[in-house]
Amino acid sequence: RRAGQFTFSFKDIMSKFDDDLEFVTELFDDYLDSMRESLRVVIEKWSKVKGASSIDTGDETLLALKNESHKMKGSSGNLSVMDLMLPCAILQHNADILHQESGTGLNLATD
């Protein structure tokens, strides 16, 4: 498998949606559009988090990062794209930890 490719079970997806190829094709088109937008948001928000020295509890950047990664994880899981679901789950988990700890004066600066 080449970098940038992911695997999924076409048979499982088709059976999940009553072998409706037109519907499954539309789902994947929507999925790819949604993932492109979510990745754009995640990259934008992560660059803000990465460059910050500290983040306040109510910071919308972390919440947006957490929400987008959750959306990506769920969409990937719904279509059985497990190669993307796991990294999205890890991203969501890490964003959640940062969001929870941000009120403690967590220092995000790296040496």
C-alpha atoms as a PDB file:
ATOM      1  CA  ARG A   1       0.000   0.000   0.000  1.00  0.00           C
ATOM      2  CA  ARG A   2       1.308   3.442  -0.904  1.00  0.00           C
ATOM      3  CA  ALA A   3       1.398   6.440   1.438  1.00  0.00           C
ATOM      4  CA  GLY A   4      -1.805   8.422   1.368  1.00  0.00           C
ATOM      5  CA  GLN A   5      -3.966   5.387   0.644  1.00  0.00           C
ATOM      6  CA  PHE A   6      -6.400   3.824   3.071  1.00  0.00           C
ATOM      7  CA  THR A   7      -8.282   0.566   3.122  1.00  0.00           C
ATOM      8  CA  PHE A   8     -11.868  -0.310   3.837  1.00  0.00           C
ATOM      9  CA  SER A   9     -14.156  -3.247   3.172  1.00  0.00           C
ATOM     10  CA  PHE A  10     -16.319  -2.397   0.186  1.00  0.00           C
ATOM     11  CA  LYS A  11     -18.361  -5.544   0.817  1.00  0.00           C
ATOM     12  CA  ASP A  12     -19.098  -4.469   4.415  1.00  0.00           C
ATOM     13  CA  ILE A  13     -20.078  -0.978   3.355  1.00  0.00           C
ATOM     14  CA  MET A  14     -22.332  -2.222   0.583  1.00  0.00           C
ATOM     15  CA  SER A  15     -24.067  -4.676   2.909  1.00  0.00           C
ATOM     16  CA  LYS A  16     -24.477  -1.940   5.529  1.00  0.00           C
ATOM     17  CA  PHE A  17     -26.384   0.140   2.960  1.00  0.00           C
ATOM     18  CA  ASP A  18     -28.413  -2.609   1.230  1.00  0.00           C
ATOM     19  CA  ASP A  19     -26.058  -2.830  -1.780  1.00  0.00           C
ATOM     20  CA  ASP A  20     -27.144   0.617  -2.971  1.00  0.00           C
ATOM     21  CA  LEU A  21     -24.114   1.640  -5.035  1.00  0.00           C
ATOM     22  CA  GLU A  22     -25.494   5.076  -5.898  1.00  0.00           C
ATOM     23  CA  PHE A  23     -26.094   5.857  -2.217  1.00  0.00           C
ATOM     24  CA  VAL A  24     -22.665   4.546  -1.157  1.00  0.00           C
ATOM     25  CA  THR A  25     -20.995   6.599  -3.898  1.00  0.00           C
ATOM     26  CA  GLU A  26     -22.804   9.709  -2.682  1.00  0.00           C
ATOM     27  CA  LEU A  27     -21.807   8.928   0.921  1.00  0.00           C
ATOM     28  CA  PHE A  28     -18.141   8.689  -0.039  1.00  0.00           C
ATOM     29  CA  ASP A  29     -18.306  11.895  -2.055  1.00  0.00           C
ATOM     30  CA  ASP A  30     -19.778  13.664   0.984  1.00  0.00           C
ATOM     31  CA  TYR A  31     -17.254  11.963   3.277  1.00  0.00           C
ATOM     32  CA  LEU A  32     -14.283  13.134   1.208  1.00  0.00           C
ATOM     33  CA  ASP A  33     -15.633  16.693   1.017  1.00  0.00           C
ATOM     34  CA  SER A  34     -16.218  16.721   4.768  1.00  0.00           C
ATOM     35  CA  MET A  35     -12.770  15.284   5.509  1.00  0.00           C
ATOM     36  CA  ARG A  36     -11.075  17.927   3.342  1.00  0.00           C
ATOM     37  CA  GLU A  37     -12.807  20.706   5.267  1.00  0.00           C
ATOM     38  CA  SER A  38     -12.176  19.052   8.643  1.00  0.00           C
ATOM     39  CA  LEU A  39      -8.492  18.584   7.845  1.00  0.00           C
ATOM     40  CA  ARG A  40      -8.243  22.254   6.874  1.00  0.00           C
ATOM     41  CA  VAL A  41      -9.759  23.232  10.243  1.00  0.00           C
ATOM     42  CA  VAL A  42      -7.575  20.782  12.195  1.00  0.00           C
ATOM     43  CA  ILE A  43      -4.397  22.055  10.524  1.00  0.00           C
ATOM     44  CA  GLU A  44      -5.394  25.653  11.171  1.00  0.00           C
ATOM     45  CA  LYS A  45      -6.298  25.035  14.823  1.00  0.00           C
ATOM     46  CA  TRP A  46      -3.296  22.801  15.503  1.00  0.00           C
ATOM     47  CA  SER A  47      -0.932  25.474  14.189  1.00  0.00           C
ATOM     48  CA  LYS A  48      -2.411  27.879  16.765  1.00  0.00           C
ATOM     49  CA  VAL A  49      -2.056  25.333  19.581  1.00  0.00           C
ATOM     50  CA  LYS A  50       1.457  24.363  18.555  1.00  0.00           C
ATOM     51  CA  GLY A  51       2.639  27.971  18.554  1.00  0.00           C
ATOM     52  CA  ALA A  52       1.001  28.913  21.873  1.00  0.00           C
ATOM     53  CA  SER A  53       2.830  29.156  25.178  1.00  0.00           C
ATOM     54  CA  SER A  54      -0.356  28.564  27.166  1.00  0.00           C
ATOM     55  CA  ILE A  55      -4.054  28.142  26.489  1.00  0.00           C
ATOM     56  CA  ASP A  56      -7.013  29.215  28.581  1.00  0.00           C
ATOM     57  CA  THR A  57      -9.722  26.716  29.574  1.00  0.00           C
ATOM     58  CA  GLY A  58     -12.379  28.377  27.460  1.00  0.00           C
ATOM     59  CA  ASP A  59     -10.190  28.557  24.407  1.00  0.00           C
ATOM     60  CA  GLU A  60     -12.297  27.860  21.346  1.00  0.00           C
ATOM     61  CA  THR A  61      -9.279  26.642  19.396  1.00  0.00           C
ATOM     62  CA  LEU A  62      -8.948  23.483  21.487  1.00  0.00           C
ATOM     63  CA  LEU A  63     -12.685  22.913  21.483  1.00  0.00           C
ATOM     64  CA  ALA A  64     -12.792  23.256  17.686  1.00  0.00           C
ATOM     65  CA  LEU A  65      -9.855  20.851  17.355  1.00  0.00           C
ATOM     66  CA  LYS A  66     -11.586  18.348  19.622  1.00  0.00           C
ATOM     67  CA  ASN A  67     -14.915  18.673  17.783  1.00  0.00           C
ATOM     68  CA  GLU A  68     -13.423  18.363  14.298  1.00  0.00           C
ATOM     69  CA  SER A  69     -11.391  15.299  15.249  1.00  0.00           C
ATOM     70  CA  HIS A  70     -14.522  13.753  16.788  1.00  0.00           C
ATOM     71  CA  LYS A  71     -16.454  14.422  13.574  1.00  0.00           C
ATOM     72  CA  MET A  72     -13.651  12.882  11.490  1.00  0.00           C
ATOM     73  CA  LYS A  73     -13.486   9.829  13.745  1.00  0.00           C
ATOM     74  CA  GLY A  74     -17.239   9.279  13.564  1.00  0.00           C
ATOM     75  CA  SER A  75     -17.458   9.738   9.809  1.00  0.00           C
ATOM     76  CA  SER A  76     -14.568   7.336   9.267  1.00  0.00           C
ATOM     77  CA  GLY A  77     -16.103   4.768  11.589  1.00  0.00           C
ATOM     78  CA  ASN A  78     -19.512   5.014   9.933  1.00  0.00           C
ATOM     79  CA  LEU A  79     -17.939   4.126   6.605  1.00  0.00           C
ATOM     80  CA  SER A  80     -15.576   1.520   8.116  1.00  0.00           C
ATOM     81  CA  VAL A  81     -12.457   3.485   7.118  1.00  0.00           C
ATOM     82  CA  MET A  82     -10.542   2.208  10.114  1.00  0.00           C
ATOM     83  CA  ASP A  83      -7.138   3.378   8.823  1.00  0.00           C
ATOM     84  CA  LEU A  84      -8.354   6.947   9.401  1.00  0.00           C
ATOM     85  CA  MET A  85     -10.610   6.329  12.370  1.00  0.00           C
ATOM     86  CA  LEU A  86      -7.753   5.433  14.752  1.00  0.00           C
ATOM     87  CA  PRO A  87      -5.585   8.524  14.072  1.00  0.00           C
ATOM     88  CA  CYS A  88      -8.690  10.696  14.417  1.00  0.00           C
ATOM     89  CA  ALA A  89      -9.494   9.028  17.759  1.00  0.00           C
ATOM     90  CA  ILE A  90      -5.951   9.715  18.970  1.00  0.00           C
ATOM     91  CA  LEU A  91      -6.188  13.339  17.858  1.00  0.00           C
ATOM     92  CA  GLN A  92      -9.529  13.706  19.629  1.00  0.00           C
ATOM     93  CA  HIS A  93      -8.122  12.154  22.804  1.00  0.00           C
ATOM     94  CA  ASN A  94      -5.083  14.444  22.806  1.00  0.00           C
ATOM     95  CA  ALA A  95      -7.189  17.533  22.110  1.00  0.00           C
ATOM     96  CA  ASP A  96      -9.515  16.528  24.933  1.00  0.00           C
ATOM     97  CA  ILE A  97      -6.597  16.168  27.369  1.00  0.00           C
ATOM     98  CA  LEU A  98      -5.217  19.572  26.373  1.00  0.00           C
ATOM     99  CA  HIS A  99      -8.669  21.122  26.694  1.00  0.00           C
ATOM    100  CA  GLN A 100      -9.150  19.627  30.181  1.00  0.00           C
ATOM    101  CA  GLU A 101      -5.680  20.611  31.366  1.00  0.00           C
ATOM    102  CA  SER A 102      -5.628  24.063  29.824  1.00  0.00           C
ATOM    103  CA  GLY A 103      -7.202  25.601  32.921  1.00  0.00           C
ATOM    104  CA  THR A 104      -4.260  24.473  35.057  1.00  0.00           C
ATOM    105  CA  GLY A 105      -1.805  26.840  33.383  1.00  0.00           C
ATOM    106  CA  LEU A 106      -0.411  24.078  31.180  1.00  0.00           C
ATOM    107  CA  ASN A 107       2.695  25.316  29.419  1.00  0.00           C
ATOM    108  CA  LEU A 108       2.662  24.179  25.796  1.00  0.00           C
ATOM    109  CA  ALA A 109       5.980  25.761  24.839  1.00  0.00           C
ATOM    110  CA  THR A 110       8.676  23.347  23.769  1.00  0.00           C
ATOM    111  CA  ASP A 111      12.388  23.764  24.357  1.00  0.00           C
END
